Every structure is written in C-alpha cells, then in structure tokens.
Amino acid sequence: MSVNENERDDWRDTMEQLDMARQARSDVAWQPFEQKWAAVVAPAFDALLQIRRNEYESDATAEADAVANLNDVYKRMAREAAETAFARDFETRSGVRVLAGVLGSDSLCVGFNNQPHEGFPTRRDRELNEFRAWLVDVGVEELAYAEHPDRGPYEGYTYALLLWCVPGSEPHVGGQYRAIILKGLSDPPQD
C-alpha cells in the first residue's frame, strides 16, 4: 500500500467518523420531537380507526371531527418539524426521519431541508417538485408541509413535509429523497 492509499484510507475513516458523530447529534436533536409527536399522533389516529371500525353505529360527525383533528395535528407537527430542523439540527442539511408504527402499522416520515441553495432560488423548489411527483407515482401520501421561520430575513429557510409510509417503504422514500437532493446539487444551475 502506498502512502497515498494510506492517507486516502485515513481520510475515509475520518469522514466516516465525522458522519457517524453528526448522525448521533442529529438523533439527539430529533428525539424529543419524535417522542412527543408519536405520543400525539398514535392516539388521534387510533380514535379515527375506532370510529371507522364501528360500522353499525357510524357517526359522520364524529368521523369528520376525528379527521379534522388529525389534519390539525399533522399541520402542527410539520411546523414543529421545520422548526426542529432549523433550530436543533441545522448541520444536517436535509434528511428523512421515521416515526415507525404511529399510523397503525404504518409510519410517518418527516422529510426536511435546511439548504435553500443561496444564489439559486428555484433549485430547491425543483427538487421538492420532483420528489412530490415521485411520491404521487409510488402512492405515498403527503399529509402536511410547513416552512420555518415564517417571517424575517430567513423566512422559509427550512421546510418539512410529513408523509404516510407503509411498512418497508421508509428506506425507499429516504433514499429517493437523498438521491433527488444530491442530483440537484450536481445539476448545473438553471436560475
């Protein structure tokens, strides 16, 4: 092995260690959010399922109220996810977090982005639109979207979107999101 190969191996090991440390910090940053919202979403979703399972005594008003409550929960959760990404996990430029099993056996995936591509104002929008088109193609439902901050000089710097993911789809959703973001970074600017 030559000196250059040893240096390259050392560099690769250092980069892997840095990435593992960053991931550990990211996990710590998201843990309170994930615990809080798993405890909020699961009961709200279960309440809706209970109403829908009771086919003999269906109550349209109760079902509409449960759906409205769940949609409100999703909106609040998306806002807090964008705030969490901006305030607690800023070094992670983009990613997907998974709250497994909170929608019955299904999961909530939280996609977030802290990278507005300064100087290229439409690049991130193109990436998001491409990802949303892919979600539609594969049947993954977007539940809510939010940006943070909602005013000031950094308005909309970070976004988060909530997705309904069936078991086993989470790695594919996260992988496609990363692929689109990485492709966007390597695309020539169109702005």
N, C-alpha and C. Protein backbone atom coordinates (compact mmCIF):
# COMPACT_ATOMS: atom_id res chain seq x y z
N MET A 1 0.85 -1.17 0.00
CA MET A 1 0.00 0.00 0.00
C MET A 1 0.89 1.24 0.00
N SER A 2 0.60 2.17 -0.87
CA SER A 2 1.41 3.38 -0.95
C SER A 2 0.98 4.39 0.11
N VAL A 3 1.80 5.42 0.26
CA VAL A 3 1.48 6.49 1.21
C VAL A 3 0.15 7.14 0.85
N ASN A 4 -0.08 7.37 -0.44
CA ASN A 4 -1.33 7.99 -0.86
C ASN A 4 -2.54 7.13 -0.52
N GLU A 5 -2.41 5.81 -0.66
CA GLU A 5 -3.51 4.92 -0.31
C GLU A 5 -3.76 4.95 1.20
N ASN A 6 -2.70 4.99 1.98
CA ASN A 6 -2.86 5.08 3.44
C ASN A 6 -3.53 6.39 3.83
N GLU A 7 -3.12 7.47 3.22
CA GLU A 7 -3.75 8.77 3.50
C GLU A 7 -5.22 8.75 3.11
N ARG A 8 -5.52 8.15 1.96
CA ARG A 8 -6.90 8.07 1.50
C ARG A 8 -7.73 7.24 2.47
N ASP A 9 -7.18 6.12 2.95
CA ASP A 9 -7.88 5.29 3.92
C ASP A 9 -8.11 6.05 5.23
N ASP A 10 -7.08 6.79 5.69
CA ASP A 10 -7.23 7.60 6.90
C ASP A 10 -8.31 8.66 6.71
N TRP A 11 -8.30 9.29 5.54
CA TRP A 11 -9.29 10.33 5.25
C TRP A 11 -10.70 9.73 5.24
N ARG A 12 -10.85 8.55 4.61
CA ARG A 12 -12.15 7.88 4.54
C ARG A 12 -12.63 7.53 5.94
N ASP A 13 -11.72 6.99 6.77
CA ASP A 13 -12.07 6.65 8.14
C ASP A 13 -12.49 7.89 8.91
N THR A 14 -11.78 8.99 8.75
CA THR A 14 -12.11 10.24 9.42
C THR A 14 -13.48 10.75 8.97
N MET A 15 -13.76 10.70 7.69
CA MET A 15 -15.06 11.16 7.17
C MET A 15 -16.20 10.29 7.72
N GLU A 16 -15.98 8.98 7.80
CA GLU A 16 -17.00 8.09 8.35
C GLU A 16 -17.24 8.40 9.82
N GLN A 17 -16.17 8.66 10.57
CA GLN A 17 -16.31 9.00 11.98
C GLN A 17 -17.06 10.32 12.15
N LEU A 18 -16.73 11.30 11.33
CA LEU A 18 -17.44 12.58 11.39
C LEU A 18 -18.91 12.41 11.06
N ASP A 19 -19.21 11.61 10.04
CA ASP A 19 -20.60 11.38 9.66
C ASP A 19 -21.37 10.65 10.76
N MET A 20 -20.72 9.67 11.39
CA MET A 20 -21.38 8.96 12.49
C MET A 20 -21.64 9.90 13.67
N ALA A 21 -20.71 10.77 13.96
CA ALA A 21 -20.89 11.74 15.05
C ALA A 21 -22.00 12.72 14.72
N ARG A 22 -22.05 13.19 13.47
CA ARG A 22 -23.12 14.10 13.05
C ARG A 22 -24.47 13.40 13.16
N GLN A 23 -24.55 12.13 12.74
CA GLN A 23 -25.80 11.39 12.83
C GLN A 23 -26.23 11.21 14.28
N ALA A 24 -25.28 10.96 15.16
CA ALA A 24 -25.61 10.83 16.58
C ALA A 24 -26.16 12.14 17.13
N ARG A 25 -25.55 13.27 16.74
CA ARG A 25 -26.07 14.58 17.18
C ARG A 25 -27.47 14.82 16.62
N SER A 26 -27.67 14.42 15.37
CA SER A 26 -28.99 14.58 14.74
C SER A 26 -30.04 13.75 15.48
N ASP A 27 -29.70 12.52 15.83
CA ASP A 27 -30.64 11.66 16.56
C ASP A 27 -31.03 12.29 17.89
N VAL A 28 -30.05 12.85 18.58
CA VAL A 28 -30.33 13.51 19.87
C VAL A 28 -31.23 14.73 19.65
N ALA A 29 -30.97 15.49 18.61
CA ALA A 29 -31.75 16.70 18.32
C ALA A 29 -33.21 16.36 18.03
N TRP A 30 -33.46 15.26 17.35
CA TRP A 30 -34.83 14.90 16.95
C TRP A 30 -35.57 14.07 17.99
N GLN A 31 -34.89 13.49 18.95
CA GLN A 31 -35.53 12.59 19.90
C GLN A 31 -36.73 13.21 20.63
N PRO A 32 -36.63 14.42 21.20
CA PRO A 32 -37.82 14.98 21.88
C PRO A 32 -38.99 15.17 20.93
N PHE A 33 -38.72 15.63 19.72
CA PHE A 33 -39.77 15.80 18.72
C PHE A 33 -40.45 14.47 18.43
N GLU A 34 -39.66 13.44 18.16
CA GLU A 34 -40.21 12.14 17.80
C GLU A 34 -41.03 11.53 18.93
N GLN A 35 -40.54 11.64 20.16
CA GLN A 35 -41.28 11.11 21.30
C GLN A 35 -42.59 11.85 21.50
N LYS A 36 -42.54 13.16 21.45
CA LYS A 36 -43.75 13.98 21.65
C LYS A 36 -44.81 13.65 20.61
N TRP A 37 -44.41 13.67 19.34
CA TRP A 37 -45.41 13.52 18.29
C TRP A 37 -45.89 12.09 18.12
N ALA A 38 -45.08 11.10 18.43
CA ALA A 38 -45.55 9.72 18.42
C ALA A 38 -46.66 9.57 19.46
N ALA A 39 -46.49 10.23 20.61
CA ALA A 39 -47.49 10.17 21.68
C ALA A 39 -48.76 10.94 21.33
N VAL A 40 -48.68 11.90 20.40
CA VAL A 40 -49.85 12.69 20.00
C VAL A 40 -50.56 12.04 18.80
N VAL A 41 -49.80 11.63 17.80
CA VAL A 41 -50.39 11.13 16.55
C VAL A 41 -51.06 9.78 16.74
N ALA A 42 -50.39 8.84 17.40
CA ALA A 42 -50.94 7.48 17.52
C ALA A 42 -52.34 7.47 18.14
N PRO A 43 -52.59 8.17 19.26
CA PRO A 43 -53.94 8.15 19.82
C PRO A 43 -54.97 8.84 18.91
N ALA A 44 -54.57 9.92 18.25
CA ALA A 44 -55.51 10.61 17.35
C ALA A 44 -55.86 9.70 16.17
N PHE A 45 -54.88 8.98 15.64
CA PHE A 45 -55.13 8.05 14.54
C PHE A 45 -55.99 6.88 15.01
N ASP A 46 -55.68 6.35 16.19
CA ASP A 46 -56.47 5.25 16.74
C ASP A 46 -57.93 5.65 16.97
N ALA A 47 -58.16 6.89 17.39
CA ALA A 47 -59.54 7.37 17.58
C ALA A 47 -60.31 7.34 16.27
N LEU A 48 -59.66 7.76 15.20
CA LEU A 48 -60.30 7.72 13.88
C LEU A 48 -60.57 6.27 13.47
N LEU A 49 -59.63 5.38 13.68
CA LEU A 49 -59.84 3.97 13.33
C LEU A 49 -61.00 3.37 14.11
N GLN A 50 -61.10 3.70 15.38
CA GLN A 50 -62.20 3.19 16.21
C GLN A 50 -63.55 3.60 15.63
N ILE A 51 -63.65 4.85 15.21
CA ILE A 51 -64.90 5.34 14.62
C ILE A 51 -65.19 4.59 13.32
N ARG A 52 -64.20 4.42 12.49
CA ARG A 52 -64.40 3.76 11.20
C ARG A 52 -64.68 2.26 11.35
N ARG A 53 -64.16 1.63 12.39
CA ARG A 53 -64.41 0.20 12.61
C ARG A 53 -65.82 -0.06 13.11
N ASN A 54 -66.42 0.91 13.74
CA ASN A 54 -67.76 0.76 14.29
C ASN A 54 -68.79 0.99 13.19
N GLU A 55 -68.85 0.07 12.22
CA GLU A 55 -69.69 0.26 11.04
C GLU A 55 -71.18 0.24 11.34
N TYR A 56 -71.61 -0.40 12.43
CA TYR A 56 -73.03 -0.48 12.74
C TYR A 56 -73.57 0.81 13.33
N GLU A 57 -72.72 1.54 14.01
CA GLU A 57 -73.13 2.80 14.62
C GLU A 57 -72.27 3.93 14.08
N SER A 58 -72.18 4.04 12.77
CA SER A 58 -71.32 5.07 12.20
C SER A 58 -71.87 6.45 12.53
N ASP A 59 -70.98 7.33 12.84
CA ASP A 59 -71.33 8.69 13.21
C ASP A 59 -70.51 9.62 12.31
N ALA A 60 -71.16 10.17 11.29
CA ALA A 60 -70.45 11.01 10.31
C ALA A 60 -69.83 12.23 10.97
N THR A 61 -70.50 12.80 11.95
CA THR A 61 -69.96 13.99 12.62
C THR A 61 -68.70 13.63 13.41
N ALA A 62 -68.76 12.52 14.13
CA ALA A 62 -67.59 12.10 14.91
C ALA A 62 -66.42 11.79 13.99
N GLU A 63 -66.69 11.16 12.85
CA GLU A 63 -65.61 10.86 11.91
C GLU A 63 -65.02 12.15 11.33
N ALA A 64 -65.88 13.09 10.94
CA ALA A 64 -65.40 14.36 10.40
C ALA A 64 -64.56 15.11 11.44
N ASP A 65 -65.00 15.08 12.70
CA ASP A 65 -64.23 15.73 13.77
C ASP A 65 -62.87 15.06 13.97
N ALA A 66 -62.84 13.72 13.91
CA ALA A 66 -61.59 12.99 14.10
C ALA A 66 -60.63 13.27 12.94
N VAL A 67 -61.15 13.34 11.72
CA VAL A 67 -60.31 13.65 10.56
C VAL A 67 -59.77 15.07 10.68
N ALA A 68 -60.63 16.02 11.05
CA ALA A 68 -60.19 17.41 11.21
C ALA A 68 -59.12 17.52 12.30
N ASN A 69 -59.30 16.80 13.40
CA ASN A 69 -58.32 16.81 14.48
C ASN A 69 -56.99 16.25 13.99
N LEU A 70 -57.03 15.15 13.27
CA LEU A 70 -55.79 14.54 12.77
C LEU A 70 -55.09 15.47 11.78
N ASN A 71 -55.84 16.11 10.90
CA ASN A 71 -55.23 17.05 9.95
C ASN A 71 -54.59 18.23 10.68
N ASP A 72 -55.23 18.70 11.75
CA ASP A 72 -54.65 19.77 12.56
C ASP A 72 -53.36 19.29 13.23
N VAL A 73 -53.37 18.08 13.73
CA VAL A 73 -52.16 17.50 14.34
C VAL A 73 -51.04 17.45 13.31
N TYR A 74 -51.34 17.00 12.09
CA TYR A 74 -50.32 16.92 11.04
C TYR A 74 -49.73 18.30 10.73
N LYS A 75 -50.58 19.32 10.65
CA LYS A 75 -50.09 20.67 10.34
C LYS A 75 -49.17 21.19 11.46
N ARG A 76 -49.60 21.00 12.70
CA ARG A 76 -48.78 21.44 13.83
C ARG A 76 -47.46 20.67 13.88
N MET A 77 -47.53 19.40 13.58
CA MET A 77 -46.33 18.56 13.59
C MET A 77 -45.35 19.00 12.50
N ALA A 78 -45.85 19.31 11.31
CA ALA A 78 -44.98 19.77 10.22
C ALA A 78 -44.30 21.08 10.59
N ARG A 79 -45.06 22.00 11.22
CA ARG A 79 -44.46 23.27 11.64
C ARG A 79 -43.34 23.03 12.65
N GLU A 80 -43.60 22.15 13.62
CA GLU A 80 -42.58 21.88 14.63
C GLU A 80 -41.39 21.12 14.04
N ALA A 81 -41.64 20.27 13.05
CA ALA A 81 -40.53 19.56 12.39
C ALA A 81 -39.61 20.55 11.68
N ALA A 82 -40.19 21.51 10.97
CA ALA A 82 -39.37 22.52 10.30
C ALA A 82 -38.58 23.34 11.32
N GLU A 83 -39.22 23.67 12.43
CA GLU A 83 -38.54 24.42 13.49
C GLU A 83 -37.42 23.59 14.12
N THR A 84 -37.68 22.30 14.34
CA THR A 84 -36.66 21.41 14.91
C THR A 84 -35.46 21.31 13.98
N ALA A 85 -35.72 21.13 12.69
CA ALA A 85 -34.61 21.02 11.72
C ALA A 85 -33.79 22.31 11.71
N PHE A 86 -34.46 23.45 11.76
CA PHE A 86 -33.79 24.74 11.70
C PHE A 86 -33.02 25.03 12.99
N ALA A 87 -33.66 24.81 14.13
CA ALA A 87 -33.09 25.25 15.41
C ALA A 87 -32.21 24.20 16.09
N ARG A 88 -32.49 22.91 15.87
CA ARG A 88 -31.78 21.88 16.64
C ARG A 88 -30.89 20.98 15.79
N ASP A 89 -31.14 20.94 14.48
CA ASP A 89 -30.37 20.03 13.63
C ASP A 89 -29.94 20.73 12.34
N PHE A 90 -29.47 21.94 12.50
CA PHE A 90 -29.13 22.76 11.33
C PHE A 90 -27.99 22.18 10.52
N GLU A 91 -27.05 21.48 11.18
CA GLU A 91 -25.89 20.95 10.45
C GLU A 91 -26.29 19.84 9.49
N THR A 92 -27.43 19.19 9.73
CA THR A 92 -27.92 18.19 8.78
C THR A 92 -28.70 18.94 7.72
N ARG A 93 -28.14 19.03 6.56
CA ARG A 93 -28.71 19.89 5.52
C ARG A 93 -30.06 19.39 5.02
N SER A 94 -30.27 18.09 4.99
CA SER A 94 -31.57 17.53 4.60
C SER A 94 -31.61 16.08 5.05
N GLY A 95 -32.81 15.55 5.16
CA GLY A 95 -32.92 14.16 5.58
C GLY A 95 -34.36 13.73 5.74
N VAL A 96 -34.52 12.49 6.15
CA VAL A 96 -35.84 11.91 6.42
C VAL A 96 -35.77 11.22 7.77
N ARG A 97 -36.67 11.58 8.65
CA ARG A 97 -36.82 10.93 9.96
C ARG A 97 -38.06 10.04 9.89
N VAL A 98 -38.06 8.94 10.63
CA VAL A 98 -39.16 7.98 10.59
C VAL A 98 -39.73 7.79 11.99
N LEU A 99 -41.05 7.96 12.10
CA LEU A 99 -41.77 7.62 13.32
C LEU A 99 -42.54 6.35 12.99
N ALA A 100 -41.95 5.22 13.31
CA ALA A 100 -42.50 3.92 12.91
C ALA A 100 -43.73 3.56 13.72
N GLY A 101 -44.73 3.04 13.02
CA GLY A 101 -45.90 2.47 13.67
C GLY A 101 -46.86 3.43 14.32
N VAL A 102 -46.78 4.71 14.04
CA VAL A 102 -47.70 5.66 14.69
C VAL A 102 -49.04 5.77 13.96
N LEU A 103 -49.10 5.28 12.73
CA LEU A 103 -50.36 5.26 11.97
C LEU A 103 -50.80 3.80 11.85
N GLY A 104 -51.22 3.22 12.97
CA GLY A 104 -51.49 1.79 12.99
C GLY A 104 -50.16 1.07 12.79
N SER A 105 -50.08 0.25 11.75
CA SER A 105 -48.80 -0.41 11.46
C SER A 105 -47.94 0.45 10.53
N ASP A 106 -48.49 1.54 10.01
CA ASP A 106 -47.77 2.41 9.09
C ASP A 106 -46.96 3.47 9.84
N SER A 107 -46.10 4.14 9.10
CA SER A 107 -45.19 5.12 9.71
C SER A 107 -45.43 6.51 9.16
N LEU A 108 -45.00 7.49 9.93
CA LEU A 108 -44.90 8.86 9.45
C LEU A 108 -43.44 9.12 9.12
N CYS A 109 -43.18 9.59 7.93
CA CYS A 109 -41.83 10.01 7.56
C CYS A 109 -41.83 11.53 7.50
N VAL A 110 -40.78 12.13 8.02
CA VAL A 110 -40.64 13.57 8.04
C VAL A 110 -39.43 13.93 7.18
N GLY A 111 -39.69 14.48 6.00
CA GLY A 111 -38.61 14.96 5.15
C GLY A 111 -38.33 16.41 5.50
N PHE A 112 -37.06 16.79 5.58
CA PHE A 112 -36.74 18.19 5.91
C PHE A 112 -35.56 18.65 5.08
N ASN A 113 -35.47 19.98 4.94
CA ASN A 113 -34.39 20.55 4.14
C ASN A 113 -33.98 21.89 4.73
N ASN A 114 -32.70 22.00 5.06
CA ASN A 114 -32.09 23.23 5.57
C ASN A 114 -31.15 23.84 4.54
N GLN A 115 -31.42 23.64 3.27
CA GLN A 115 -30.47 24.05 2.25
C GLN A 115 -31.19 24.76 1.09
N PRO A 116 -31.41 26.06 1.22
CA PRO A 116 -32.15 26.76 0.18
C PRO A 116 -31.33 27.13 -1.06
N HIS A 117 -30.08 26.73 -1.14
CA HIS A 117 -29.22 27.00 -2.30
C HIS A 117 -29.14 28.49 -2.60
N GLU A 118 -28.52 29.21 -1.70
CA GLU A 118 -28.36 30.66 -1.87
C GLU A 118 -27.78 30.97 -3.24
N GLY A 119 -28.39 31.90 -3.91
CA GLY A 119 -27.96 32.28 -5.25
C GLY A 119 -28.67 31.51 -6.35
N PHE A 120 -29.36 30.44 -5.98
CA PHE A 120 -30.11 29.63 -6.95
C PHE A 120 -31.52 29.41 -6.40
N PRO A 121 -32.36 30.44 -6.43
CA PRO A 121 -33.62 30.43 -5.70
C PRO A 121 -34.63 29.37 -6.14
N THR A 122 -34.53 28.84 -7.33
CA THR A 122 -35.54 27.86 -7.76
C THR A 122 -35.05 26.41 -7.66
N ARG A 123 -33.78 26.19 -7.35
CA ARG A 123 -33.24 24.82 -7.32
C ARG A 123 -33.98 23.95 -6.30
N ARG A 124 -34.14 24.44 -5.08
CA ARG A 124 -34.80 23.63 -4.05
C ARG A 124 -36.25 23.37 -4.41
N ASP A 125 -36.93 24.35 -4.99
CA ASP A 125 -38.31 24.13 -5.42
C ASP A 125 -38.39 23.03 -6.47
N ARG A 126 -37.43 23.03 -7.39
CA ARG A 126 -37.41 21.97 -8.42
C ARG A 126 -37.19 20.60 -7.77
N GLU A 127 -36.28 20.53 -6.80
CA GLU A 127 -36.03 19.27 -6.10
C GLU A 127 -37.30 18.80 -5.39
N LEU A 128 -37.96 19.72 -4.68
CA LEU A 128 -39.18 19.37 -3.95
C LEU A 128 -40.27 18.92 -4.92
N ASN A 129 -40.43 19.62 -6.03
CA ASN A 129 -41.45 19.23 -7.01
C ASN A 129 -41.16 17.86 -7.61
N GLU A 130 -39.89 17.58 -7.87
CA GLU A 130 -39.52 16.27 -8.40
C GLU A 130 -39.83 15.17 -7.38
N PHE A 131 -39.51 15.43 -6.11
CA PHE A 131 -39.80 14.46 -5.06
C PHE A 131 -41.30 14.25 -4.91
N ARG A 132 -42.06 15.33 -4.93
CA ARG A 132 -43.51 15.20 -4.82
C ARG A 132 -44.09 14.41 -6.00
N ALA A 133 -43.58 14.62 -7.18
CA ALA A 133 -44.05 13.86 -8.35
C ALA A 133 -43.75 12.37 -8.15
N TRP A 134 -42.57 12.06 -7.63
CA TRP A 134 -42.22 10.66 -7.35
C TRP A 134 -43.16 10.08 -6.30
N LEU A 135 -43.46 10.85 -5.24
CA LEU A 135 -44.39 10.37 -4.21
C LEU A 135 -45.74 10.00 -4.81
N VAL A 136 -46.26 10.84 -5.68
CA VAL A 136 -47.54 10.56 -6.34
C VAL A 136 -47.43 9.28 -7.16
N ASP A 137 -46.34 9.15 -7.90
CA ASP A 137 -46.15 7.97 -8.76
C ASP A 137 -46.14 6.67 -7.96
N VAL A 138 -45.56 6.69 -6.76
CA VAL A 138 -45.45 5.46 -5.96
C VAL A 138 -46.56 5.34 -4.91
N GLY A 139 -47.44 6.33 -4.82
CA GLY A 139 -48.58 6.24 -3.92
C GLY A 139 -48.31 6.57 -2.47
N VAL A 140 -47.31 7.42 -2.22
CA VAL A 140 -47.04 7.88 -0.85
C VAL A 140 -47.76 9.20 -0.66
N GLU A 141 -48.58 9.28 0.38
CA GLU A 141 -49.40 10.47 0.61
C GLU A 141 -48.65 11.53 1.43
N GLU A 142 -48.68 12.76 0.92
CA GLU A 142 -48.16 13.89 1.69
C GLU A 142 -49.27 14.39 2.59
N LEU A 143 -48.99 14.45 3.90
CA LEU A 143 -50.01 14.83 4.88
C LEU A 143 -49.96 16.30 5.24
N ALA A 144 -48.78 16.89 5.25
CA ALA A 144 -48.66 18.30 5.62
C ALA A 144 -47.28 18.82 5.19
N TYR A 145 -47.19 20.13 5.07
CA TYR A 145 -45.95 20.82 4.68
C TYR A 145 -45.88 22.12 5.47
N ALA A 146 -44.68 22.47 5.90
CA ALA A 146 -44.51 23.74 6.61
C ALA A 146 -43.09 24.26 6.40
N GLU A 147 -42.94 25.56 6.58
CA GLU A 147 -41.64 26.21 6.49
C GLU A 147 -41.35 26.95 7.79
N HIS A 148 -40.05 27.15 8.05
CA HIS A 148 -39.64 27.89 9.24
C HIS A 148 -38.37 28.65 8.89
N PRO A 149 -38.18 29.82 9.41
CA PRO A 149 -39.14 30.67 10.11
C PRO A 149 -40.23 31.17 9.16
N ASP A 150 -41.33 31.63 9.76
CA ASP A 150 -42.44 32.08 8.92
C ASP A 150 -42.39 33.58 8.63
N ARG A 151 -41.36 34.26 9.14
CA ARG A 151 -41.16 35.68 8.80
C ARG A 151 -39.72 36.06 9.14
N GLY A 152 -39.33 37.22 8.69
CA GLY A 152 -37.99 37.71 8.97
C GLY A 152 -37.03 37.43 7.83
N PRO A 153 -35.75 37.75 8.04
CA PRO A 153 -34.78 37.63 6.95
C PRO A 153 -34.53 36.19 6.50
N TYR A 154 -34.81 35.22 7.34
CA TYR A 154 -34.60 33.81 6.97
C TYR A 154 -35.92 33.08 6.69
N GLU A 155 -36.95 33.83 6.39
CA GLU A 155 -38.27 33.25 6.14
C GLU A 155 -38.18 32.10 5.14
N GLY A 156 -38.76 30.95 5.53
CA GLY A 156 -38.81 29.79 4.66
C GLY A 156 -37.49 29.09 4.44
N TYR A 157 -36.50 29.37 5.26
CA TYR A 157 -35.17 28.77 5.08
C TYR A 157 -35.24 27.25 5.14
N THR A 158 -36.04 26.73 6.07
CA THR A 158 -36.17 25.30 6.27
C THR A 158 -37.60 24.87 5.98
N TYR A 159 -37.74 23.71 5.35
CA TYR A 159 -39.09 23.14 5.19
C TYR A 159 -39.12 21.73 5.74
N ALA A 160 -40.33 21.28 6.04
CA ALA A 160 -40.56 19.90 6.45
C ALA A 160 -41.85 19.43 5.81
N LEU A 161 -41.88 18.17 5.42
CA LEU A 161 -43.11 17.60 4.92
C LEU A 161 -43.33 16.25 5.59
N LEU A 162 -44.59 15.97 5.89
CA LEU A 162 -44.98 14.72 6.54
C LEU A 162 -45.55 13.79 5.49
N LEU A 163 -45.14 12.53 5.55
CA LEU A 163 -45.54 11.54 4.57
C LEU A 163 -46.07 10.30 5.27
N TRP A 164 -47.10 9.70 4.69
CA TRP A 164 -47.66 8.45 5.19
C TRP A 164 -46.93 7.32 4.48
N CYS A 165 -46.18 6.52 5.22
CA CYS A 165 -45.37 5.45 4.63
C CYS A 165 -45.81 4.08 5.14
N VAL A 166 -46.04 3.17 4.22
CA VAL A 166 -46.37 1.80 4.61
C VAL A 166 -45.09 1.11 5.05
N PRO A 167 -45.21 0.07 5.90
CA PRO A 167 -44.01 -0.62 6.38
C PRO A 167 -43.13 -1.11 5.21
N GLY A 168 -41.86 -0.87 5.35
CA GLY A 168 -40.90 -1.28 4.32
C GLY A 168 -40.61 -0.21 3.28
N SER A 169 -41.47 0.80 3.19
CA SER A 169 -41.26 1.85 2.17
C SER A 169 -40.32 2.95 2.67
N GLU A 170 -40.13 3.04 3.97
CA GLU A 170 -39.36 4.14 4.54
C GLU A 170 -37.94 4.27 3.96
N PRO A 171 -37.19 3.17 3.83
CA PRO A 171 -35.85 3.31 3.23
C PRO A 171 -35.90 3.79 1.78
N HIS A 172 -36.92 3.38 1.05
CA HIS A 172 -37.05 3.82 -0.35
C HIS A 172 -37.38 5.31 -0.42
N VAL A 173 -38.26 5.75 0.46
CA VAL A 173 -38.61 7.18 0.49
C VAL A 173 -37.38 8.01 0.85
N GLY A 174 -36.67 7.60 1.90
CA GLY A 174 -35.47 8.33 2.30
C GLY A 174 -34.40 8.29 1.22
N GLY A 175 -34.22 7.15 0.59
CA GLY A 175 -33.22 7.02 -0.46
C GLY A 175 -33.53 7.87 -1.68
N GLN A 176 -34.80 7.90 -2.07
CA GLN A 176 -35.19 8.72 -3.23
C GLN A 176 -35.03 10.21 -2.90
N TYR A 177 -35.39 10.59 -1.68
CA TYR A 177 -35.24 11.99 -1.27
C TYR A 177 -33.77 12.40 -1.35
N ARG A 178 -32.89 11.57 -0.78
CA ARG A 178 -31.46 11.88 -0.82
C ARG A 178 -30.95 11.93 -2.27
N ALA A 179 -31.39 11.00 -3.09
CA ALA A 179 -30.94 10.96 -4.49
C ALA A 179 -31.35 12.23 -5.23
N ILE A 180 -32.56 12.70 -5.00
CA ILE A 180 -33.03 13.92 -5.68
C ILE A 180 -32.25 15.13 -5.18
N ILE A 181 -32.00 15.21 -3.89
CA ILE A 181 -31.23 16.33 -3.34
C ILE A 181 -29.80 16.30 -3.90
N LEU A 182 -29.17 15.14 -3.90
CA LEU A 182 -27.80 15.04 -4.41
C LEU A 182 -27.74 15.36 -5.90
N LYS A 183 -28.75 14.90 -6.64
CA LYS A 183 -28.80 15.21 -8.07
C LYS A 183 -28.93 16.71 -8.27
N GLY A 184 -29.77 17.34 -7.44
CA GLY A 184 -29.95 18.79 -7.53
C GLY A 184 -28.66 19.55 -7.28
N LEU A 185 -27.85 19.03 -6.35
CA LEU A 185 -26.57 19.67 -6.05
C LEU A 185 -25.59 19.55 -7.22
N SER A 186 -25.72 18.49 -8.01
CA SER A 186 -24.77 18.29 -9.10
C SER A 186 -25.30 18.86 -10.43
N ASP A 187 -26.60 19.17 -10.49
CA ASP A 187 -27.16 19.75 -11.71
C ASP A 187 -26.59 21.14 -11.94
N PRO A 188 -26.38 21.49 -13.20
CA PRO A 188 -25.97 22.88 -13.45
C PRO A 188 -27.10 23.84 -13.07
N PRO A 189 -26.76 24.99 -12.54
CA PRO A 189 -27.80 25.95 -12.14
C PRO A 189 -28.66 26.37 -13.33
N GLN A 190 -29.97 26.46 -13.09
CA GLN A 190 -30.90 26.93 -14.11
C GLN A 190 -31.50 28.26 -13.72
N ASP A 191 -31.00 28.85 -12.65
CA ASP A 191 -31.56 30.10 -12.16
C ASP A 191 -30.95 31.31 -12.84
